[in-house]
Amino acid sequence: MTKVALALVHHPVLDRGGEIVTTAITNLDLHDMARSARTFGVLELHIVHPVAAQRLLAERIRDHWIHGSGKKRIPDRADALDVLRIVPSLEDVYASLAPGVGRAGIELWTTAASAKRGPVTNYPDARARLTQTDKPVLITFGTGWGLAGELVASADVRLAPIHAEENTGYNHLSVRAACAIVLDRLFG
């Protein structure tokens, strides 16, 4: 099986008006996405944020659970948060997954809340592709109102949106819930 890593992207992402912005890191996203990653065997969850103070916050949260009193109280949380890699940019993620090659050496997958931004790949086809590629796969999750258009356009695979079997007309999952569902559909 191909190496799969995740990235929680805080920049470049969209605001409700479609402008590119930088969003804030939230404690719950780090915890819940790390726990989902660990459950499904994903060994790296990259937290991408260009602001040093926000990266420091994420590092403090991670260190509390891996080395601090959090590890003593809830050791399983240390196992989960050990998957976090905190970086300033997606280029840093690409370089860590494919040293010396960068973006050309990986498959970039994006997630989507809507199919309006271009063709998508269904989950059975995505699972099959995971067994066929020899490149590391990076699955990106956007915060705010989703990943910036340029990032989506540069993806090798765009995963189909998550919808309920019966369309409720409402589709605004938290990024941590979407992550768990995507991982279950790919590896469950």
N, C-alpha and C. Protein backbone atom coordinates (compact mmCIF):
# COMPACT_ATOMS: atom_id res chain seq x y z
N MET A 1 0.85 -1.19 0.00
CA MET A 1 0.00 0.00 0.00
C MET A 1 0.88 1.24 0.00
N THR A 2 0.44 2.23 -0.67
CA THR A 2 1.11 3.52 -0.79
C THR A 2 1.13 4.26 0.54
N LYS A 3 2.18 5.02 0.76
CA LYS A 3 2.22 5.89 1.94
C LYS A 3 1.20 7.01 1.76
N VAL A 4 0.35 7.18 2.77
CA VAL A 4 -0.66 8.24 2.74
C VAL A 4 -0.42 9.17 3.92
N ALA A 5 -0.45 10.47 3.64
CA ALA A 5 -0.34 11.49 4.67
C ALA A 5 -1.51 12.45 4.49
N LEU A 6 -1.83 13.17 5.54
CA LEU A 6 -2.90 14.16 5.51
C LEU A 6 -2.31 15.54 5.74
N ALA A 7 -3.02 16.56 5.26
CA ALA A 7 -2.66 17.94 5.56
C ALA A 7 -3.92 18.71 5.88
N LEU A 8 -3.90 19.37 7.02
CA LEU A 8 -4.96 20.30 7.39
C LEU A 8 -4.45 21.69 7.02
N VAL A 9 -5.05 22.27 5.99
CA VAL A 9 -4.56 23.51 5.40
C VAL A 9 -5.31 24.71 5.96
N HIS A 10 -4.54 25.66 6.51
CA HIS A 10 -5.10 26.91 7.03
C HIS A 10 -4.82 28.08 6.08
N HIS A 11 -3.99 27.86 5.10
CA HIS A 11 -3.69 28.84 4.05
C HIS A 11 -3.04 28.10 2.89
N PRO A 12 -3.51 28.27 1.67
CA PRO A 12 -4.55 29.18 1.20
C PRO A 12 -5.93 28.52 1.24
N VAL A 13 -6.84 29.15 1.93
CA VAL A 13 -8.23 28.70 2.00
C VAL A 13 -9.14 29.90 1.74
N LEU A 14 -10.42 29.61 1.58
CA LEU A 14 -11.39 30.64 1.23
C LEU A 14 -12.22 31.09 2.42
N ASP A 15 -12.65 32.34 2.39
CA ASP A 15 -13.66 32.79 3.35
C ASP A 15 -15.03 32.68 2.67
N ARG A 16 -16.08 33.04 3.37
CA ARG A 16 -17.42 32.87 2.81
C ARG A 16 -17.65 33.68 1.54
N GLY A 17 -16.87 34.72 1.33
CA GLY A 17 -16.99 35.54 0.13
C GLY A 17 -16.12 35.06 -1.02
N GLY A 18 -15.36 33.98 -0.80
CA GLY A 18 -14.50 33.44 -1.85
C GLY A 18 -13.12 34.05 -1.92
N GLU A 19 -12.77 34.87 -0.93
CA GLU A 19 -11.43 35.48 -0.89
C GLU A 19 -10.45 34.53 -0.20
N ILE A 20 -9.19 34.57 -0.61
CA ILE A 20 -8.16 33.74 0.02
C ILE A 20 -7.79 34.37 1.36
N VAL A 21 -7.82 33.54 2.40
CA VAL A 21 -7.52 33.98 3.76
C VAL A 21 -6.66 32.93 4.47
N THR A 22 -6.32 33.25 5.70
CA THR A 22 -5.65 32.34 6.61
C THR A 22 -6.57 32.16 7.81
N THR A 23 -6.86 30.92 8.17
CA THR A 23 -7.75 30.64 9.30
C THR A 23 -6.93 30.29 10.53
N ALA A 24 -7.58 30.29 11.68
CA ALA A 24 -6.92 29.98 12.94
C ALA A 24 -6.95 28.47 13.22
N ILE A 25 -5.92 28.01 13.90
CA ILE A 25 -5.85 26.62 14.35
C ILE A 25 -6.83 26.43 15.50
N THR A 26 -7.53 25.30 15.50
CA THR A 26 -8.39 24.97 16.62
C THR A 26 -7.93 23.67 17.27
N ASN A 27 -7.97 23.67 18.57
CA ASN A 27 -7.55 22.53 19.37
C ASN A 27 -8.29 21.25 18.97
N LEU A 28 -9.61 21.34 18.81
CA LEU A 28 -10.41 20.16 18.48
C LEU A 28 -9.99 19.53 17.16
N ASP A 29 -9.69 20.34 16.15
CA ASP A 29 -9.26 19.78 14.87
C ASP A 29 -8.00 18.95 15.04
N LEU A 30 -7.04 19.47 15.80
CA LEU A 30 -5.79 18.73 16.00
C LEU A 30 -6.04 17.39 16.67
N HIS A 31 -6.79 17.41 17.75
CA HIS A 31 -7.08 16.17 18.49
C HIS A 31 -7.84 15.17 17.65
N ASP A 32 -8.96 15.60 17.10
CA ASP A 32 -9.85 14.66 16.43
C ASP A 32 -9.27 14.14 15.12
N MET A 33 -8.62 14.99 14.36
CA MET A 33 -8.03 14.52 13.11
C MET A 33 -6.84 13.60 13.38
N ALA A 34 -6.06 13.89 14.42
CA ALA A 34 -4.95 13.00 14.78
C ALA A 34 -5.47 11.64 15.21
N ARG A 35 -6.54 11.62 15.98
CA ARG A 35 -7.12 10.35 16.42
C ARG A 35 -7.65 9.55 15.23
N SER A 36 -8.29 10.23 14.28
CA SER A 36 -8.77 9.55 13.08
C SER A 36 -7.60 9.02 12.25
N ALA A 37 -6.57 9.85 12.07
CA ALA A 37 -5.40 9.42 11.30
C ALA A 37 -4.79 8.17 11.92
N ARG A 38 -4.58 8.19 13.22
CA ARG A 38 -3.98 7.06 13.91
C ARG A 38 -4.85 5.80 13.80
N THR A 39 -6.16 5.97 13.94
CA THR A 39 -7.09 4.84 13.85
C THR A 39 -6.99 4.15 12.51
N PHE A 40 -6.83 4.93 11.43
CA PHE A 40 -6.82 4.34 10.09
C PHE A 40 -5.41 4.12 9.55
N GLY A 41 -4.39 4.25 10.40
CA GLY A 41 -3.03 3.91 10.00
C GLY A 41 -2.28 4.97 9.23
N VAL A 42 -2.79 6.20 9.24
CA VAL A 42 -2.08 7.31 8.60
C VAL A 42 -1.07 7.84 9.62
N LEU A 43 0.19 7.85 9.25
CA LEU A 43 1.23 8.15 10.23
C LEU A 43 1.65 9.61 10.28
N GLU A 44 1.14 10.45 9.35
CA GLU A 44 1.49 11.87 9.36
C GLU A 44 0.27 12.72 9.07
N LEU A 45 0.02 13.67 9.94
CA LEU A 45 -0.99 14.70 9.74
C LEU A 45 -0.27 16.03 9.82
N HIS A 46 -0.12 16.68 8.69
CA HIS A 46 0.59 17.95 8.61
C HIS A 46 -0.39 19.09 8.88
N ILE A 47 -0.05 19.91 9.83
CA ILE A 47 -0.83 21.11 10.13
C ILE A 47 -0.11 22.26 9.43
N VAL A 48 -0.75 22.83 8.41
CA VAL A 48 -0.11 23.84 7.57
C VAL A 48 -0.62 25.22 7.96
N HIS A 49 0.30 26.04 8.48
CA HIS A 49 -0.07 27.39 8.89
C HIS A 49 1.13 28.33 8.71
N PRO A 50 0.95 29.45 8.00
CA PRO A 50 2.08 30.34 7.75
C PRO A 50 2.46 31.24 8.93
N VAL A 51 1.60 31.34 9.95
CA VAL A 51 1.86 32.25 11.06
C VAL A 51 2.58 31.51 12.19
N ALA A 52 3.75 32.00 12.56
CA ALA A 52 4.58 31.34 13.57
C ALA A 52 3.86 31.17 14.90
N ALA A 53 3.11 32.17 15.34
CA ALA A 53 2.41 32.07 16.63
C ALA A 53 1.37 30.95 16.61
N GLN A 54 0.72 30.75 15.49
CA GLN A 54 -0.26 29.66 15.38
C GLN A 54 0.44 28.30 15.38
N ARG A 55 1.59 28.21 14.70
CA ARG A 55 2.35 26.95 14.72
C ARG A 55 2.83 26.65 16.14
N LEU A 56 3.25 27.68 16.85
CA LEU A 56 3.69 27.50 18.24
C LEU A 56 2.55 26.97 19.10
N LEU A 57 1.35 27.49 18.90
CA LEU A 57 0.18 26.98 19.62
C LEU A 57 -0.01 25.49 19.35
N ALA A 58 0.04 25.10 18.09
CA ALA A 58 -0.13 23.68 17.74
C ALA A 58 0.98 22.83 18.35
N GLU A 59 2.20 23.33 18.35
CA GLU A 59 3.32 22.59 18.95
C GLU A 59 3.13 22.43 20.45
N ARG A 60 2.63 23.47 21.12
CA ARG A 60 2.39 23.39 22.57
C ARG A 60 1.30 22.36 22.89
N ILE A 61 0.26 22.34 22.08
CA ILE A 61 -0.80 21.35 22.26
C ILE A 61 -0.24 19.94 22.07
N ARG A 62 0.49 19.74 20.99
CA ARG A 62 1.09 18.44 20.72
C ARG A 62 2.03 18.02 21.85
N ASP A 63 2.90 18.93 22.27
CA ASP A 63 3.87 18.59 23.31
C ASP A 63 3.22 18.30 24.65
N HIS A 64 2.13 18.99 24.97
CA HIS A 64 1.41 18.70 26.21
C HIS A 64 0.95 17.25 26.25
N TRP A 65 0.47 16.75 25.12
CA TRP A 65 -0.07 15.38 25.08
C TRP A 65 1.01 14.33 24.84
N ILE A 66 2.12 14.70 24.24
CA ILE A 66 3.17 13.72 23.95
C ILE A 66 4.20 13.64 25.08
N HIS A 67 4.52 14.79 25.69
CA HIS A 67 5.57 14.82 26.71
C HIS A 67 5.09 15.33 28.07
N GLY A 68 3.99 16.02 28.10
CA GLY A 68 3.55 16.69 29.32
C GLY A 68 2.58 15.87 30.16
N SER A 69 1.85 16.59 31.00
CA SER A 69 0.93 15.92 31.92
C SER A 69 -0.21 15.22 31.19
N GLY A 70 -0.53 15.67 29.98
CA GLY A 70 -1.57 14.99 29.20
C GLY A 70 -1.24 13.54 28.92
N LYS A 71 0.04 13.26 28.68
CA LYS A 71 0.46 11.87 28.41
C LYS A 71 0.23 10.99 29.63
N LYS A 72 0.47 11.54 30.81
CA LYS A 72 0.28 10.75 32.03
C LYS A 72 -1.19 10.43 32.25
N ARG A 73 -2.05 11.41 31.95
CA ARG A 73 -3.48 11.23 32.18
C ARG A 73 -4.15 10.37 31.11
N ILE A 74 -3.80 10.59 29.83
CA ILE A 74 -4.45 9.87 28.73
C ILE A 74 -3.36 9.43 27.73
N PRO A 75 -2.69 8.31 28.02
CA PRO A 75 -1.58 7.88 27.16
C PRO A 75 -1.97 7.64 25.71
N ASP A 76 -3.21 7.21 25.46
CA ASP A 76 -3.64 6.98 24.08
C ASP A 76 -3.61 8.26 23.26
N ARG A 77 -3.86 9.38 23.89
CA ARG A 77 -3.84 10.66 23.18
C ARG A 77 -2.43 10.96 22.70
N ALA A 78 -1.42 10.56 23.47
CA ALA A 78 -0.03 10.76 23.03
C ALA A 78 0.24 9.98 21.75
N ASP A 79 -0.25 8.76 21.67
CA ASP A 79 -0.07 7.97 20.45
C ASP A 79 -0.69 8.66 19.25
N ALA A 80 -1.87 9.24 19.46
CA ALA A 80 -2.55 9.92 18.36
C ALA A 80 -1.83 11.21 17.95
N LEU A 81 -1.51 12.06 18.92
CA LEU A 81 -0.92 13.36 18.58
C LEU A 81 0.52 13.26 18.10
N ASP A 82 1.11 12.10 18.24
CA ASP A 82 2.45 11.88 17.72
C ASP A 82 2.49 11.95 16.19
N VAL A 83 1.34 11.86 15.53
CA VAL A 83 1.30 11.94 14.06
C VAL A 83 1.41 13.37 13.54
N LEU A 84 1.24 14.37 14.43
CA LEU A 84 1.23 15.77 13.98
C LEU A 84 2.61 16.23 13.53
N ARG A 85 2.63 16.88 12.38
CA ARG A 85 3.80 17.57 11.85
C ARG A 85 3.34 18.99 11.56
N ILE A 86 3.96 19.97 12.15
CA ILE A 86 3.50 21.35 12.04
C ILE A 86 4.47 22.12 11.15
N VAL A 87 3.95 22.66 10.05
CA VAL A 87 4.79 23.28 9.03
C VAL A 87 4.18 24.59 8.54
N PRO A 88 5.03 25.48 7.99
CA PRO A 88 4.53 26.76 7.51
C PRO A 88 3.81 26.71 6.15
N SER A 89 4.12 25.72 5.30
CA SER A 89 3.55 25.74 3.95
C SER A 89 3.39 24.34 3.38
N LEU A 90 2.59 24.26 2.35
CA LEU A 90 2.43 22.98 1.65
C LEU A 90 3.75 22.54 1.00
N GLU A 91 4.56 23.49 0.58
CA GLU A 91 5.85 23.14 -0.01
C GLU A 91 6.70 22.35 0.99
N ASP A 92 6.59 22.69 2.28
CA ASP A 92 7.31 21.94 3.31
C ASP A 92 6.79 20.50 3.39
N VAL A 93 5.50 20.33 3.23
CA VAL A 93 4.91 18.98 3.25
C VAL A 93 5.42 18.20 2.04
N TYR A 94 5.36 18.81 0.87
CA TYR A 94 5.82 18.13 -0.35
C TYR A 94 7.28 17.69 -0.19
N ALA A 95 8.11 18.57 0.34
CA ALA A 95 9.53 18.26 0.51
C ALA A 95 9.74 17.11 1.49
N SER A 96 8.92 17.04 2.53
CA SER A 96 9.11 15.95 3.50
C SER A 96 8.63 14.61 2.95
N LEU A 97 7.63 14.64 2.10
CA LEU A 97 7.11 13.39 1.52
C LEU A 97 7.94 12.89 0.35
N ALA A 98 8.53 13.82 -0.39
CA ALA A 98 9.35 13.45 -1.55
C ALA A 98 10.61 14.31 -1.55
N PRO A 99 11.57 13.98 -0.65
CA PRO A 99 12.80 14.78 -0.55
C PRO A 99 13.53 14.89 -1.89
N GLY A 100 13.94 16.11 -2.21
CA GLY A 100 14.68 16.35 -3.43
C GLY A 100 13.80 16.46 -4.67
N VAL A 101 12.53 16.07 -4.56
CA VAL A 101 11.63 16.09 -5.71
C VAL A 101 10.48 17.06 -5.48
N GLY A 102 9.96 17.08 -4.25
CA GLY A 102 8.86 17.98 -3.91
C GLY A 102 7.55 17.56 -4.54
N ARG A 103 6.78 18.53 -4.97
CA ARG A 103 5.42 18.30 -5.46
C ARG A 103 5.37 17.26 -6.59
N ALA A 104 6.35 17.24 -7.47
CA ALA A 104 6.37 16.29 -8.58
C ALA A 104 6.47 14.84 -8.11
N GLY A 105 6.92 14.64 -6.88
CA GLY A 105 7.12 13.29 -6.37
C GLY A 105 5.95 12.73 -5.58
N ILE A 106 4.84 13.47 -5.52
CA ILE A 106 3.69 12.99 -4.75
C ILE A 106 2.42 13.08 -5.59
N GLU A 107 1.38 12.39 -5.13
CA GLU A 107 0.04 12.60 -5.66
C GLU A 107 -0.68 13.50 -4.67
N LEU A 108 -1.19 14.61 -5.16
CA LEU A 108 -1.93 15.55 -4.33
C LEU A 108 -3.41 15.29 -4.52
N TRP A 109 -4.10 14.98 -3.43
CA TRP A 109 -5.53 14.76 -3.45
C TRP A 109 -6.19 15.87 -2.64
N THR A 110 -7.31 16.37 -3.14
CA THR A 110 -8.07 17.34 -2.39
C THR A 110 -9.44 16.77 -2.05
N THR A 111 -10.03 17.33 -1.03
CA THR A 111 -11.38 16.97 -0.64
C THR A 111 -12.29 18.12 -1.05
N ALA A 112 -13.58 17.83 -1.14
CA ALA A 112 -14.51 18.85 -1.63
C ALA A 112 -15.85 18.75 -0.93
N ALA A 113 -16.42 19.89 -0.62
CA ALA A 113 -17.78 19.92 -0.08
C ALA A 113 -18.79 20.01 -1.23
N SER A 114 -18.31 20.28 -2.42
CA SER A 114 -19.19 20.47 -3.57
C SER A 114 -18.52 19.94 -4.83
N ALA A 115 -19.32 19.45 -5.77
CA ALA A 115 -18.79 18.99 -7.05
C ALA A 115 -18.80 20.12 -8.08
N LYS A 116 -19.10 21.33 -7.66
CA LYS A 116 -19.20 22.46 -8.58
C LYS A 116 -17.85 22.91 -9.12
N ARG A 117 -16.77 22.51 -8.50
CA ARG A 117 -15.44 23.03 -8.87
C ARG A 117 -14.68 22.08 -9.78
N GLY A 118 -15.37 21.15 -10.45
CA GLY A 118 -14.70 20.28 -11.40
C GLY A 118 -14.98 18.82 -11.13
N PRO A 119 -14.42 17.97 -11.99
CA PRO A 119 -14.67 16.52 -11.87
C PRO A 119 -14.11 15.95 -10.57
N VAL A 120 -14.77 14.92 -10.08
CA VAL A 120 -14.37 14.27 -8.83
C VAL A 120 -14.18 12.77 -9.03
N THR A 121 -13.45 12.17 -8.11
CA THR A 121 -13.20 10.73 -8.12
C THR A 121 -14.01 10.10 -7.01
N ASN A 122 -14.74 9.03 -7.32
CA ASN A 122 -15.52 8.36 -6.28
C ASN A 122 -14.59 7.52 -5.41
N TYR A 123 -15.09 7.08 -4.29
CA TYR A 123 -14.24 6.39 -3.31
C TYR A 123 -13.78 5.01 -3.76
N PRO A 124 -14.60 4.20 -4.43
CA PRO A 124 -14.06 2.93 -4.93
C PRO A 124 -12.89 3.14 -5.89
N ASP A 125 -13.00 4.11 -6.78
CA ASP A 125 -11.89 4.39 -7.71
C ASP A 125 -10.66 4.93 -6.96
N ALA A 126 -10.89 5.75 -5.95
CA ALA A 126 -9.78 6.28 -5.15
C ALA A 126 -9.06 5.15 -4.41
N ARG A 127 -9.83 4.22 -3.83
CA ARG A 127 -9.20 3.07 -3.14
C ARG A 127 -8.34 2.27 -4.11
N ALA A 128 -8.86 2.04 -5.31
CA ALA A 128 -8.09 1.30 -6.32
C ALA A 128 -6.81 2.05 -6.68
N ARG A 129 -6.91 3.36 -6.83
CA ARG A 129 -5.74 4.16 -7.19
C ARG A 129 -4.65 4.08 -6.11
N LEU A 130 -5.06 4.00 -4.85
CA LEU A 130 -4.08 3.87 -3.76
C LEU A 130 -3.22 2.62 -3.92
N THR A 131 -3.77 1.57 -4.49
CA THR A 131 -3.01 0.33 -4.67
C THR A 131 -2.15 0.36 -5.93
N GLN A 132 -2.39 1.33 -6.80
CA GLN A 132 -1.70 1.36 -8.09
C GLN A 132 -0.56 2.36 -8.17
N THR A 133 -0.57 3.38 -7.32
CA THR A 133 0.47 4.40 -7.41
C THR A 133 1.67 4.02 -6.55
N ASP A 134 2.84 4.43 -7.02
CA ASP A 134 4.04 4.21 -6.21
C ASP A 134 4.50 5.50 -5.53
N LYS A 135 3.77 6.58 -5.75
CA LYS A 135 4.08 7.86 -5.12
C LYS A 135 3.36 7.99 -3.78
N PRO A 136 3.92 8.72 -2.84
CA PRO A 136 3.17 9.05 -1.63
C PRO A 136 1.93 9.88 -2.01
N VAL A 137 0.86 9.67 -1.27
CA VAL A 137 -0.39 10.41 -1.50
C VAL A 137 -0.60 11.37 -0.34
N LEU A 138 -0.86 12.63 -0.66
CA LEU A 138 -1.18 13.64 0.33
C LEU A 138 -2.64 14.03 0.14
N ILE A 139 -3.46 13.77 1.16
CA ILE A 139 -4.87 14.15 1.12
C ILE A 139 -5.00 15.44 1.91
N THR A 140 -5.46 16.50 1.24
CA THR A 140 -5.57 17.81 1.86
C THR A 140 -7.00 18.10 2.28
N PHE A 141 -7.12 18.72 3.43
CA PHE A 141 -8.41 19.15 3.96
C PHE A 141 -8.31 20.65 4.19
N GLY A 142 -9.32 21.39 3.74
CA GLY A 142 -9.33 22.82 3.89
C GLY A 142 -10.14 23.27 5.09
N THR A 143 -9.70 24.34 5.70
CA THR A 143 -10.46 24.98 6.77
C THR A 143 -11.24 26.13 6.15
N GLY A 144 -11.90 26.91 6.97
CA GLY A 144 -12.69 28.03 6.44
C GLY A 144 -13.79 27.51 5.54
N TRP A 145 -13.85 28.06 4.33
CA TRP A 145 -14.87 27.66 3.36
C TRP A 145 -14.26 26.80 2.26
N GLY A 146 -13.12 26.18 2.55
CA GLY A 146 -12.53 25.24 1.60
C GLY A 146 -11.21 25.71 1.04
N LEU A 147 -10.57 24.80 0.36
CA LEU A 147 -9.26 25.05 -0.24
C LEU A 147 -9.36 26.08 -1.37
N ALA A 148 -8.31 26.86 -1.53
CA ALA A 148 -8.25 27.85 -2.60
C ALA A 148 -8.31 27.16 -3.96
N GLY A 149 -8.90 27.85 -4.93
CA GLY A 149 -9.09 27.29 -6.26
C GLY A 149 -7.81 26.83 -6.93
N GLU A 150 -6.74 27.58 -6.75
CA GLU A 150 -5.45 27.21 -7.35
C GLU A 150 -4.96 25.85 -6.83
N LEU A 151 -5.15 25.62 -5.56
CA LEU A 151 -4.75 24.35 -4.97
C LEU A 151 -5.62 23.22 -5.50
N VAL A 152 -6.92 23.45 -5.56
CA VAL A 152 -7.84 22.43 -6.08
C VAL A 152 -7.49 22.11 -7.53
N ALA A 153 -7.22 23.13 -8.33
CA ALA A 153 -6.90 22.93 -9.74
C ALA A 153 -5.61 22.15 -9.95
N SER A 154 -4.69 22.24 -8.99
CA SER A 154 -3.40 21.55 -9.13
C SER A 154 -3.44 20.10 -8.65
N ALA A 155 -4.57 19.66 -8.13
CA ALA A 155 -4.66 18.31 -7.56
C ALA A 155 -4.66 17.23 -8.64
N ASP A 156 -4.08 16.10 -8.28
CA ASP A 156 -4.13 14.92 -9.16
C ASP A 156 -5.46 14.19 -9.02
N VAL A 157 -6.03 14.24 -7.83
CA VAL A 157 -7.32 13.59 -7.55
C VAL A 157 -8.14 14.55 -6.71
N ARG A 158 -9.40 14.66 -7.02
CA ARG A 158 -10.34 15.44 -6.22
C ARG A 158 -11.43 14.49 -5.76
N LEU A 159 -11.42 14.18 -4.47
CA LEU A 159 -12.37 13.22 -3.93
C LEU A 159 -13.80 13.75 -3.96
N ALA A 160 -14.73 12.85 -4.21
CA ALA A 160 -16.14 13.22 -4.27
C ALA A 160 -16.60 13.80 -2.95
N PRO A 161 -17.54 14.76 -3.01
CA PRO A 161 -18.08 15.33 -1.78
C PRO A 161 -18.80 14.28 -0.94
N ILE A 162 -18.87 14.53 0.34
CA ILE A 162 -19.61 13.66 1.27
C ILE A 162 -21.06 14.13 1.30
N HIS A 163 -21.94 13.21 0.98
CA HIS A 163 -23.38 13.52 1.03
C HIS A 163 -24.09 12.42 1.78
N ALA A 164 -25.16 12.79 2.46
CA ALA A 164 -26.03 11.79 3.08
C ALA A 164 -26.75 11.04 1.97
N GLU A 165 -27.09 9.77 2.23
CA GLU A 165 -27.80 8.98 1.22
C GLU A 165 -29.09 9.68 0.81
N GLU A 166 -29.79 10.22 1.78
CA GLU A 166 -30.98 11.00 1.49
C GLU A 166 -30.60 12.47 1.57
N ASN A 167 -30.71 13.19 0.46
CA ASN A 167 -30.26 14.57 0.42
C ASN A 167 -31.11 15.44 1.35
N THR A 168 -30.46 16.03 2.33
CA THR A 168 -31.15 16.89 3.29
C THR A 168 -31.10 18.35 2.87
N GLY A 169 -30.27 18.66 1.87
CA GLY A 169 -30.10 20.04 1.45
C GLY A 169 -29.10 20.79 2.31
N TYR A 170 -28.53 20.12 3.31
CA TYR A 170 -27.56 20.75 4.20
C TYR A 170 -26.24 20.00 4.09
N ASN A 171 -25.14 20.73 3.87
CA ASN A 171 -23.84 20.08 3.76
C ASN A 171 -22.77 21.02 4.29
N HIS A 172 -22.57 21.00 5.59
CA HIS A 172 -21.55 21.86 6.19
C HIS A 172 -20.90 21.12 7.36
N LEU A 173 -20.20 20.03 7.04
CA LEU A 173 -19.52 19.24 8.06
C LEU A 173 -18.31 19.98 8.61
N SER A 174 -17.96 19.69 9.85
CA SER A 174 -16.68 20.19 10.36
C SER A 174 -15.57 19.44 9.62
N VAL A 175 -14.41 20.05 9.53
CA VAL A 175 -13.30 19.41 8.83
C VAL A 175 -12.89 18.11 9.53
N ARG A 176 -13.01 18.06 10.86
CA ARG A 176 -12.64 16.83 11.57
C ARG A 176 -13.63 15.70 11.30
N ALA A 177 -14.92 16.02 11.15
CA ALA A 177 -15.90 14.99 10.80
C ALA A 177 -15.66 14.52 9.36
N ALA A 178 -15.41 15.46 8.46
CA ALA A 178 -15.14 15.09 7.06
C ALA A 178 -13.92 14.20 6.96
N CYS A 179 -12.89 14.50 7.72
CA CYS A 179 -11.67 13.68 7.73
C CYS A 179 -11.99 12.25 8.13
N ALA A 180 -12.73 12.08 9.20
CA ALA A 180 -13.07 10.73 9.67
C ALA A 180 -13.86 9.96 8.61
N ILE A 181 -14.81 10.63 7.97
CA ILE A 181 -15.61 9.97 6.95
C ILE A 181 -14.76 9.59 5.74
N VAL A 182 -13.92 10.50 5.28
CA VAL A 182 -13.04 10.21 4.14
C VAL A 182 -12.13 9.02 4.44
N LEU A 183 -11.52 9.01 5.62
CA LEU A 183 -10.63 7.90 5.97
C LEU A 183 -11.41 6.59 6.06
N ASP A 184 -12.60 6.62 6.61
CA ASP A 184 -13.40 5.41 6.67
C ASP A 184 -13.74 4.92 5.27
N ARG A 185 -14.09 5.81 4.37
CA ARG A 185 -14.42 5.41 3.00
C ARG A 185 -13.22 4.88 2.24
N LEU A 186 -12.03 5.39 2.55
CA LEU A 186 -10.83 4.91 1.87
C LEU A 186 -10.25 3.65 2.49
N PHE A 187 -10.32 3.53 3.83
CA PHE A 187 -9.62 2.45 4.52
C PHE A 187 -10.50 1.56 5.38
N GLY A 188 -11.78 1.90 5.51
CA GLY A 188 -12.69 1.16 6.38
C GLY A 188 -13.18 -0.13 5.77
